[in-house]
């Protein structure tokens, strides 16, 4: 009997200890994770009784909390929201997005890093004041980008600009957009109705097209293919296959150059790589993707530029959709993908990163949207630390890619941009099957003197990629001004 009781007592003690350990683990290590779980409805209770800190850029408040009358309730407000909503996002009764989501705990004061900035409040049991999130966007350039995208008449459009030396995101614009103030109402029925209306819109205004939507990149992807040729041993002066038409091995249909190229350099059997890139010869780059250097080389180069992975812009809490190029043993699919059609898709952010790597000597810096986090007392809690994301090219090969992008503006498909702030670039026009519009791309860098800004613009309308070029020039002008 004594032995049985003893064993029961020991088992009970072990169970109690296990329970204590489990509770300690959950409360000490998983509490925040469980609070943030989408299935936990309690996280939304009382969220509007907290005065969240502001989101600012260039000294301008983009988002802040406003007390509702004499109540203990706060409503979120946004300045020029249609322009800046891809950056700030929204904070509503039910959810939050963009920086409102990525920095949610810093803004509401629950981030443990804020304890040291309000130690007395913590001792007194008071709510820790929310901190300030300083975004990296350039206010004037963001406004210039949005205005230019709207003026283009495109059904959908987006633009991204980066500081190639640091990775700071200076512009992230998207159209059509939305006014975050419309969904921050504290009336649940009204908020639900407004979200439903936005979600039912076929152009998806809530979706940030600069980093969360994928588009066929057209001939801008030839930049990746050209880089793969350089990596495989070619130079900008290497003579490459051209010609009016190219049929990949096993393909039932040939790939042709644009009708406007008839009689030009692309008709010749072989021309220097720099000229084929400047004139955007489809046959050259289709051949490269299908045969030499081939699918593996192009896919590996794409991966080195950041394709295939979600690109984080806010410390793991705000990531772009993954761009992709088909890894395939079918030459026809690789050829089509190598001219930016077929199953090749990319975000404007990704193509801006490709440009940034070329501008920055072959090194792509990790993109980031938050420059500084400050406590309510103004003290710096955290600052962005520029660091390398990937190194797709050597400095020499990056220099040759800059030469090729300059040639596009000097004598190629982007020559109408001569005399602007665009130092070099690449046009791209992606056909959309069954549609009267195209995805018109331009990726480039500038200003012409000491270039440091990398830009990618996509506008969806009839016409050609060069029609997005002037928008890139306006963005560079605003940044350099």
Protein backbone atom coordinates (compact mmCIF):
# COMPACT_ATOMS: atom_id res chain seq x y z
CA UNK A 1 0.00 0.00 0.00
CA UNK A 2 2.76 2.44 0.96
CA UNK A 3 4.60 1.66 -2.28
CA UNK A 4 1.47 2.33 -4.37
CA UNK A 5 0.78 5.62 -2.58
CA UNK A 6 4.38 6.67 -3.03
CA UNK A 7 4.29 5.98 -6.73
CA UNK A 8 1.01 7.84 -7.07
CA UNK A 9 2.47 10.82 -5.20
CA UNK A 10 5.57 10.89 -7.43
CA UNK A 11 3.45 10.65 -10.59
CA UNK A 12 1.20 13.46 -9.38
CA UNK A 13 4.22 15.63 -8.57
CA UNK A 14 5.68 15.04 -12.03
CA UNK A 15 2.37 15.94 -13.63
CA UNK A 16 2.15 19.16 -11.61
CA UNK A 17 5.72 20.07 -12.54
CA UNK A 18 4.97 19.37 -16.21
CA UNK A 19 1.88 21.57 -16.00
CA UNK A 20 3.87 24.41 -14.39
CA UNK A 21 6.57 24.09 -17.06
CA UNK A 22 3.96 24.15 -19.83
CA UNK A 23 2.19 27.20 -18.40
CA UNK A 24 5.53 28.97 -17.95
CA UNK A 25 6.49 28.17 -21.55
CA UNK A 26 3.17 29.40 -22.95
CA UNK A 27 3.09 32.59 -20.87
CA UNK A 28 6.76 33.35 -21.17
CA UNK A 29 7.55 32.34 -24.73
CA UNK A 30 4.33 31.92 -26.72
CA UNK A 31 2.01 34.53 -25.22
CA UNK A 32 2.47 37.06 -28.01
CA UNK A 33 2.24 34.37 -30.69
CA UNK A 34 -1.08 33.15 -29.27
CA UNK A 35 -2.43 36.69 -28.92
CA UNK A 36 -1.63 37.33 -32.59
CA UNK A 37 -3.12 34.07 -33.85
CA UNK A 38 -5.79 34.88 -36.51
CA UNK A 39 -8.18 32.46 -34.76
CA UNK A 40 -7.93 34.41 -31.50
CA UNK A 41 -10.82 36.90 -31.65
CA UNK A 42 -9.91 38.38 -28.25
CA UNK A 43 -6.97 40.25 -29.82
CA UNK A 44 -9.50 42.66 -31.35
CA UNK A 45 -11.20 43.50 -28.06
CA UNK A 46 -10.35 46.95 -26.75
CA UNK A 47 -7.84 47.60 -29.55
CA UNK A 48 -9.29 51.08 -30.07
CA UNK A 49 -8.81 52.04 -26.44
CA UNK A 50 -5.08 52.34 -27.09
CA UNK A 51 -3.56 55.52 -28.50
CA UNK A 52 -1.23 54.09 -31.12
CA UNK A 53 1.94 55.90 -32.06
CA UNK A 54 2.28 57.65 -35.42
CA UNK A 55 3.78 56.51 -38.71
CA UNK A 56 5.85 59.32 -40.18
CA UNK A 57 8.05 60.00 -43.20
CA UNK A 58 10.29 62.98 -43.78
CA UNK A 59 8.84 64.70 -40.72
CA UNK A 60 5.27 64.33 -42.03
CA UNK A 61 2.68 62.32 -40.09
CA UNK A 62 1.15 59.72 -42.40
CA UNK A 63 -0.91 57.92 -39.72
CA UNK A 64 -1.92 58.84 -36.17
CA UNK A 65 -4.59 58.17 -33.52
CA UNK A 66 -7.34 60.67 -32.79
CA UNK A 67 -9.52 60.59 -29.68
CA UNK A 68 -13.23 60.21 -30.42
CA UNK A 69 -15.00 63.01 -28.52
CA UNK A 70 -14.67 62.70 -24.76
CA UNK A 71 -14.55 58.90 -24.89
CA UNK A 72 -11.62 56.62 -24.13
CA UNK A 73 -11.70 55.44 -27.74
CA UNK A 74 -9.30 56.32 -30.53
CA UNK A 75 -9.73 56.18 -34.28
CA UNK A 76 -6.87 55.91 -36.73
CA UNK A 77 -6.41 58.78 -39.22
CA UNK A 78 -4.35 58.99 -42.42
CA UNK A 79 -2.89 61.85 -44.43
CA UNK A 80 -3.13 61.71 -48.24
CA UNK A 81 -4.05 58.08 -47.82
CA UNK A 82 -4.57 57.03 -51.44
CA UNK A 83 -0.95 58.00 -52.08
CA UNK A 84 0.55 56.39 -48.96
CA UNK A 85 -1.73 53.42 -48.23
CA UNK A 86 0.75 50.91 -49.77
CA UNK A 87 3.15 52.06 -47.04
CA UNK A 88 0.94 52.67 -43.99
CA UNK A 89 -1.82 50.17 -44.71
CA UNK A 90 -4.88 50.47 -42.45
CA UNK A 91 -5.86 49.69 -38.84
CA UNK A 92 -9.51 48.70 -38.58
CA UNK A 93 -11.87 47.01 -36.14
CA UNK A 94 -11.03 43.60 -37.59
CA UNK A 95 -7.56 43.69 -39.09
CA UNK A 96 -4.54 45.72 -40.11
CA UNK A 97 -2.15 45.75 -43.05
CA UNK A 98 1.26 47.00 -44.30
CA UNK A 99 3.23 48.91 -41.62
CA UNK A 100 0.18 49.07 -39.34
CA UNK A 101 0.46 45.28 -39.22
CA UNK A 102 4.24 44.85 -39.44
CA UNK A 103 4.86 47.28 -36.55
CA UNK A 104 1.59 46.66 -34.73
CA UNK A 105 3.12 45.95 -31.33
CA UNK A 106 5.53 48.85 -31.52
CA UNK A 107 2.71 51.22 -32.42
CA UNK A 108 0.40 50.00 -29.63
CA UNK A 109 3.13 49.98 -26.97
CA UNK A 110 3.22 46.22 -26.35
CA UNK A 111 6.64 45.70 -27.95
CA UNK A 112 9.07 44.63 -25.17
CA UNK A 113 11.70 47.01 -26.56
CA UNK A 114 9.56 49.93 -25.36
CA UNK A 115 9.70 48.92 -21.69
CA UNK A 116 13.00 50.69 -21.16
CA UNK A 117 11.61 53.93 -22.64
CA UNK A 118 8.73 54.06 -20.16
CA UNK A 119 10.01 52.27 -17.06
CA UNK A 120 8.15 54.53 -14.60
CA UNK A 121 4.87 53.94 -16.43
CA UNK A 122 5.54 50.23 -16.23
CA UNK A 123 6.16 50.41 -12.46
CA UNK A 124 2.92 52.33 -12.00
CA UNK A 125 1.02 49.82 -14.10
CA UNK A 126 0.17 52.33 -16.80
CA UNK A 127 -0.18 51.53 -20.48
CA UNK A 128 3.18 51.84 -22.25
CA UNK A 129 2.79 54.61 -24.88
CA UNK A 130 3.06 53.52 -28.49
CA UNK A 131 6.24 54.29 -30.37
CA UNK A 132 6.85 56.18 -33.60
CA UNK A 133 7.60 54.35 -36.84
CA UNK A 134 9.67 56.37 -39.29
CA UNK A 135 9.21 55.06 -42.84
CA UNK A 136 11.93 55.41 -45.47
CA UNK A 137 9.70 56.76 -48.24
CA UNK A 138 10.45 60.14 -49.77
CA UNK A 139 7.20 62.11 -49.42
CA UNK A 140 7.63 64.24 -52.54
CA UNK A 141 8.80 61.36 -54.72
CA UNK A 142 5.92 59.16 -53.52
CA UNK A 143 3.43 61.89 -54.43
CA UNK A 144 5.10 62.42 -57.81
CA UNK A 145 4.98 58.70 -58.54
CA UNK A 146 1.32 58.33 -57.61
CA UNK A 147 0.30 61.39 -59.65
CA UNK A 148 2.20 60.12 -62.70
CA UNK A 149 0.69 56.64 -62.40
CA UNK A 150 -2.82 58.09 -62.17
CA UNK A 151 -2.20 60.42 -65.11
CA UNK A 152 -1.06 57.48 -67.28
CA UNK A 153 -4.64 56.26 -67.60
CA UNK A 154 -3.54 52.71 -66.79
CA UNK A 155 -6.11 50.28 -65.37
CA UNK A 156 -3.50 49.07 -62.87
CA UNK A 157 -0.05 50.49 -62.20
CA UNK A 158 2.81 50.42 -59.70
CA UNK A 159 6.21 51.98 -59.10
CA UNK A 160 9.11 51.22 -56.76
CA UNK A 161 12.27 53.24 -56.20
CA UNK A 162 15.22 52.16 -54.06
CA UNK A 163 18.40 53.71 -52.80
CA UNK A 164 20.67 51.14 -54.43
CA UNK A 165 23.47 51.75 -51.92
CA UNK A 166 21.40 51.07 -48.79
CA UNK A 167 18.25 49.22 -49.87
CA UNK A 168 15.93 51.91 -48.45
CA UNK A 169 12.55 51.92 -50.22
CA UNK A 170 11.97 55.51 -51.30
CA UNK A 171 8.83 55.01 -53.39
CA UNK A 172 6.16 52.33 -53.23
CA UNK A 173 3.12 53.50 -55.19
CA UNK A 174 0.13 51.51 -56.43
CA UNK A 175 -3.05 52.27 -58.37
CA UNK A 176 -5.94 51.93 -58.08
CA UNK A 177 -5.63 52.71 -54.41
CA UNK A 178 -8.00 53.34 -51.51
CA UNK A 179 -8.53 55.77 -48.64
CA UNK A 180 -7.66 54.02 -45.37
CA UNK A 181 -9.81 56.55 -43.51
CA UNK A 182 -12.88 54.93 -45.07
CA UNK A 183 -12.28 51.58 -43.35
CA UNK A 184 -11.21 52.83 -39.91
CA UNK A 185 -14.74 53.67 -38.86
CA UNK A 186 -15.67 52.28 -35.43
CA UNK A 187 -19.08 51.16 -36.70
CA UNK A 188 -18.77 47.43 -37.46
CA UNK A 189 -21.59 47.33 -40.04
CA UNK A 190 -20.20 50.30 -41.95
CA UNK A 191 -16.68 48.90 -41.86
CA UNK A 192 -17.90 45.52 -43.13
CA UNK A 193 -19.81 47.13 -45.99
CA UNK A 194 -16.80 49.20 -47.05
CA UNK A 195 -14.42 46.24 -46.97
CA UNK A 196 -16.88 44.17 -49.00
CA UNK A 197 -17.09 46.91 -51.62
CA UNK A 198 -13.29 47.14 -51.87
CA UNK A 199 -12.86 43.37 -52.03
CA UNK A 200 -15.52 43.06 -54.75
CA UNK A 201 -13.69 45.55 -56.99
CA UNK A 202 -12.08 43.47 -59.79
CA UNK A 203 -9.00 45.74 -59.77
CA UNK A 204 -8.38 44.96 -56.08
CA UNK A 205 -7.50 48.42 -54.70
CA UNK A 206 -6.55 46.92 -51.31
CA UNK A 207 -3.76 44.93 -52.97
CA UNK A 208 -0.37 46.65 -53.10
CA UNK A 209 0.59 46.07 -56.72
CA UNK A 210 4.15 47.24 -56.14
CA UNK A 211 5.09 44.17 -54.09
CA UNK A 212 2.11 41.85 -53.66
CA UNK A 213 0.94 41.29 -57.23
CA UNK A 214 2.81 39.45 -59.98
CA UNK A 215 2.95 40.53 -63.62
CA UNK A 216 4.74 39.16 -66.70
CA UNK A 217 7.82 41.43 -66.91
CA UNK A 218 8.21 41.35 -70.68
CA UNK A 219 11.60 42.35 -72.03
CA UNK A 220 12.82 43.76 -68.71
CA UNK A 221 13.54 40.11 -67.85
CA UNK A 222 16.13 40.09 -70.64
CA UNK A 223 18.29 41.89 -68.09
CA UNK A 224 18.43 38.69 -66.04
CA UNK A 225 19.11 36.62 -69.16
CA UNK A 226 21.91 38.97 -70.27
CA UNK A 227 23.42 38.74 -66.79
CA UNK A 228 23.36 34.93 -67.04
CA UNK A 229 25.26 35.17 -70.34
CA UNK A 230 27.92 37.36 -68.69
CA UNK A 231 28.17 34.93 -65.78
CA UNK A 232 28.66 32.10 -68.30
CA UNK A 233 31.65 33.91 -69.83
CA UNK A 234 30.27 36.29 -72.45
CA UNK A 235 31.00 40.03 -72.52
CA UNK A 236 28.92 42.94 -73.71
CA UNK A 237 30.80 42.77 -77.03
CA UNK A 238 30.33 39.02 -77.60
CA UNK A 239 28.47 38.39 -80.87
CA UNK A 240 25.24 36.55 -80.16
CA UNK A 241 22.60 34.91 -82.29
CA UNK A 242 19.89 37.22 -83.62
CA UNK A 243 17.74 36.95 -86.77
CA UNK A 244 14.09 37.66 -87.51
CA UNK A 245 12.79 34.35 -86.20
CA UNK A 246 13.87 31.53 -83.86
CA UNK A 247 12.21 28.16 -83.33
CA UNK A 248 13.28 26.45 -80.08
CA UNK A 249 14.07 22.71 -80.29
CA UNK A 250 10.84 20.71 -80.23
CA UNK A 251 8.64 23.81 -80.47
CA UNK A 252 5.72 23.97 -82.86
CA UNK A 253 5.84 27.74 -83.19
CA UNK A 254 8.68 30.17 -83.78
CA UNK A 255 9.40 33.24 -81.66
CA UNK A 256 9.69 36.43 -83.70
CA UNK A 257 11.01 39.89 -83.10
CA UNK A 258 8.63 42.82 -82.85
CA UNK A 259 7.33 44.00 -86.20
CA UNK A 260 9.03 47.34 -85.61
CA UNK A 261 12.43 45.60 -85.66
CA UNK A 262 12.12 44.47 -89.31
CA UNK A 263 15.04 45.85 -91.27
CA UNK A 264 16.99 46.70 -88.13
CA UNK A 265 19.89 45.10 -86.27
CA UNK A 266 17.71 42.27 -84.92
CA UNK A 267 17.35 40.93 -88.49
CA UNK A 268 21.08 40.24 -88.73
CA UNK A 269 22.31 36.68 -88.02
CA UNK A 270 24.65 37.78 -85.21
CA UNK A 271 25.26 41.08 -83.41
CA UNK A 272 27.05 42.20 -80.21
CA UNK A 273 25.18 41.40 -77.01
CA UNK A 274 25.02 45.08 -76.06
CA UNK A 275 23.22 45.91 -79.31
CA UNK A 276 20.81 42.99 -79.03
CA UNK A 277 19.94 44.10 -75.51
CA UNK A 278 19.53 47.75 -76.54
CA UNK A 279 17.28 46.79 -79.48
CA UNK A 280 15.53 44.09 -77.39
CA UNK A 281 15.84 41.27 -79.92
CA UNK A 282 13.47 38.49 -78.87
CA UNK A 283 15.32 35.88 -80.90
CA UNK A 284 18.59 36.42 -79.04
CA UNK A 285 17.16 35.99 -75.58
CA UNK A 286 14.79 33.19 -76.51
CA UNK A 287 17.82 31.28 -77.87
CA UNK A 288 19.80 31.99 -74.70
CA UNK A 289 17.02 30.64 -72.50
CA UNK A 290 16.43 27.59 -74.67
CA UNK A 291 19.99 26.60 -75.61
CA UNK A 292 22.97 28.67 -74.50
CA UNK A 293 23.58 29.38 -71.68
CA UNK A 294 20.28 27.52 -71.19
CA UNK A 295 17.48 27.17 -68.68
CA UNK A 296 19.58 26.22 -65.65
CA UNK A 297 21.87 29.21 -66.11
CA UNK A 298 18.97 31.67 -66.45
CA UNK A 299 17.09 30.14 -63.51
CA UNK A 300 20.19 30.24 -61.31
CA UNK A 301 20.80 33.87 -62.23
CA UNK A 302 17.17 34.73 -61.50
CA UNK A 303 17.49 33.07 -58.09
CA UNK A 304 20.66 35.06 -57.41
CA UNK A 305 18.70 38.24 -58.12
CA UNK A 306 16.05 37.22 -55.56
CA UNK A 307 13.50 35.30 -57.62
CA UNK A 308 11.64 32.32 -56.09
CA UNK A 309 11.62 33.70 -52.54
CA UNK A 310 9.35 36.09 -50.68
CA UNK A 311 11.31 39.30 -50.16
CA UNK A 312 10.98 40.78 -46.69
CA UNK A 313 10.84 44.56 -46.29
CA UNK A 314 10.04 44.90 -42.57
CA UNK A 315 12.03 42.48 -40.42
CA UNK A 316 10.06 39.38 -41.35
CA UNK A 317 6.62 40.95 -40.95
CA UNK A 318 5.94 42.38 -44.43
CA UNK A 319 7.01 40.36 -47.45
CA UNK A 320 6.61 40.65 -51.21
CA UNK A 321 5.19 37.90 -53.40
CA UNK A 322 7.79 35.53 -54.87
CA UNK A 323 8.76 36.24 -58.49
CA UNK A 324 9.39 33.25 -60.72
CA UNK A 325 11.02 31.96 -63.91
CA UNK A 326 10.21 28.38 -65.04
CA UNK A 327 12.79 25.71 -64.28
CA UNK A 328 12.04 23.32 -67.13
CA UNK A 329 13.55 20.88 -69.60
CA UNK A 330 11.19 22.11 -72.34
CA UNK A 331 13.11 24.50 -74.57
CA UNK A 332 9.97 26.22 -75.83
CA UNK A 333 8.83 27.15 -72.30
CA UNK A 334 12.29 28.36 -71.34
CA UNK A 335 12.55 30.44 -74.52
CA UNK A 336 9.18 32.10 -73.91
CA UNK A 337 9.99 32.70 -70.26
CA UNK A 338 13.33 34.27 -71.19
CA UNK A 339 11.58 37.10 -73.04
CA UNK A 340 9.42 37.74 -69.98
CA UNK A 341 6.31 35.95 -71.19
CA UNK A 342 4.79 32.54 -70.50
CA UNK A 343 5.05 31.60 -66.84
CA UNK A 344 7.68 34.21 -65.93
CA UNK A 345 6.20 36.68 -63.44
CA UNK A 346 7.67 39.38 -61.24
CA UNK A 347 6.75 42.17 -58.87
CA UNK A 348 7.85 45.75 -59.54
CA UNK A 349 9.88 45.50 -56.31
CA UNK A 350 11.79 42.51 -57.71
CA UNK A 351 12.66 44.31 -60.95
CA UNK A 352 13.76 47.37 -58.98
CA UNK A 353 16.07 45.07 -57.00
CA UNK A 354 17.56 43.69 -60.23
CA UNK A 355 18.31 47.27 -61.27
CA UNK A 356 19.67 48.14 -57.83
CA UNK A 357 22.14 45.25 -57.94
CA UNK A 358 23.48 46.46 -61.28
CA UNK A 359 23.79 50.05 -60.03
CA UNK A 360 25.48 48.97 -56.80
CA UNK A 361 28.37 47.07 -58.32
CA UNK A 362 26.64 43.68 -58.37
CA UNK A 363 25.47 43.74 -54.75
CA UNK A 364 21.76 43.86 -53.88
CA UNK A 365 21.07 45.40 -50.50
CA UNK A 366 18.21 44.09 -48.39
CA UNK A 367 15.18 46.33 -49.07
CA UNK A 368 13.61 47.95 -46.02
CA UNK A 369 10.66 50.24 -45.38
CA UNK A 370 11.34 51.28 -41.77
CA UNK A 371 14.30 53.56 -41.10
CA UNK A 372 13.96 54.27 -37.37
CA UNK A 373 11.78 53.18 -34.45
CA UNK A 374 11.44 55.72 -31.62
CA UNK A 375 9.94 55.53 -28.17
CA UNK A 376 7.22 57.96 -27.10
CA UNK A 377 9.95 60.11 -25.54
CA UNK A 378 11.74 60.44 -28.89
CA UNK A 379 14.60 58.10 -28.02
CA UNK A 380 15.89 55.79 -30.75
CA UNK A 381 14.90 52.19 -30.07
CA UNK A 382 16.07 50.71 -33.36
CA UNK A 383 17.62 51.88 -36.63
CA UNK A 384 17.84 50.16 -39.97
CA UNK A 385 21.13 48.43 -40.58
CA UNK A 386 21.83 48.21 -44.34
CA UNK A 387 23.12 44.79 -45.27
CA UNK A 388 23.62 42.66 -48.35
CA UNK A 389 20.73 40.50 -49.54
CA UNK A 390 22.58 38.76 -52.38
CA UNK A 391 25.51 39.22 -54.77
CA UNK A 392 24.33 38.18 -58.27
CA UNK A 393 27.16 39.80 -60.25
CA UNK A 394 30.80 40.70 -59.92
CA UNK A 395 31.62 44.39 -60.05
CA UNK A 396 33.01 44.01 -63.56
CA UNK A 397 29.90 42.27 -64.88
CA UNK A 398 27.65 44.80 -63.16
CA UNK A 399 29.62 47.51 -64.97
CA UNK A 400 28.96 45.80 -68.30
CA UNK A 401 25.25 45.58 -67.48
CA UNK A 402 25.24 49.33 -66.75
CA UNK A 403 26.86 49.87 -70.16
CA UNK A 404 24.08 47.87 -71.79
CA UNK A 405 21.36 49.77 -69.94
CA UNK A 406 22.96 53.06 -70.96
CA UNK A 407 22.95 51.88 -74.57
CA UNK A 408 19.19 51.33 -74.35
CA UNK A 409 18.79 55.06 -73.68
CA UNK A 410 21.53 56.12 -76.08
CA UNK A 411 20.45 54.18 -79.18
CA UNK A 412 17.85 51.56 -78.27
CA UNK A 413 14.22 51.22 -77.28
CA UNK A 414 14.59 53.92 -74.61
CA UNK A 415 16.24 56.62 -76.69
CA UNK A 416 13.26 58.96 -76.23
CA UNK A 417 14.53 59.37 -72.64
CA UNK A 418 17.74 61.06 -73.77
CA UNK A 419 18.19 64.34 -71.92
CA UNK A 420 16.20 63.18 -68.89
CA UNK A 421 17.48 62.10 -65.48
CA UNK A 422 17.42 58.45 -66.58
CA UNK A 423 21.02 57.30 -67.05
CA UNK A 424 20.17 53.78 -68.23
CA UNK A 425 17.27 51.40 -68.38
CA UNK A 426 15.33 48.64 -70.09
CA UNK A 427 11.87 48.68 -71.63
CA UNK A 428 9.45 45.76 -71.57
CA UNK A 429 6.07 45.08 -73.13
CA UNK A 430 4.22 41.96 -72.01
CA UNK A 431 1.23 40.79 -74.04
CA UNK A 432 -1.80 39.69 -72.00
CA UNK A 433 -3.69 36.92 -73.78
CA UNK A 434 -7.17 37.93 -74.84
CA UNK A 435 -6.79 41.51 -73.58
CA UNK A 436 -6.50 44.80 -75.43
CA UNK A 437 -3.96 46.12 -72.93
CA UNK A 438 -0.31 45.26 -72.22
CA UNK A 439 1.83 45.34 -69.11
CA UNK A 440 4.17 48.22 -69.97
CA UNK A 441 7.43 48.11 -68.02
CA UNK A 442 10.42 50.34 -67.58
CA UNK A 443 13.27 49.69 -65.18
CA UNK A 444 16.12 52.14 -64.92
CA UNK A 445 18.53 54.12 -62.81
CA UNK A 446 19.68 57.69 -62.32
CA UNK A 447 20.39 60.51 -62.07
CA UNK A 448 22.91 60.73 -64.89
CA UNK A 449 25.52 62.19 -62.56
CA UNK A 450 26.51 59.78 -59.79
CA UNK A 451 23.47 57.47 -60.14
CA UNK A 452 22.16 55.80 -57.00
CA UNK A 453 18.40 55.35 -57.49
CA UNK A 454 16.91 52.18 -58.99
CA UNK A 455 13.37 52.41 -60.32
CA UNK A 456 10.81 49.98 -61.76
CA UNK A 457 7.48 51.10 -63.21
CA UNK A 458 4.61 49.00 -64.56
CA UNK A 459 1.53 50.49 -66.19
CA UNK A 460 -1.27 48.36 -67.63
CA UNK A 461 -2.64 49.90 -70.84
CA UNK A 462 -2.33 49.61 -74.58
CA UNK A 463 1.06 50.57 -75.98
CA UNK A 464 4.72 49.82 -75.24
CA UNK A 465 7.03 49.77 -72.26
CA UNK A 466 8.72 53.03 -73.17
CA UNK A 467 5.49 54.78 -72.18
CA UNK A 468 6.36 54.00 -68.55
CA UNK A 469 9.81 55.57 -68.98
CA UNK A 470 8.78 59.20 -68.36
CA UNK A 471 7.22 58.14 -65.04
CA UNK A 472 10.58 56.72 -63.96
CA UNK A 473 12.21 60.00 -64.98
CA UNK A 474 9.75 62.00 -62.86
CA UNK A 475 10.47 59.79 -59.86
CA UNK A 476 14.24 60.20 -60.26
CA UNK A 477 13.77 63.97 -60.68
CA UNK A 478 11.84 64.12 -57.40
CA UNK A 479 14.45 62.06 -55.57
CA UNK A 480 17.41 63.98 -56.95
CA UNK A 481 15.74 67.35 -56.43
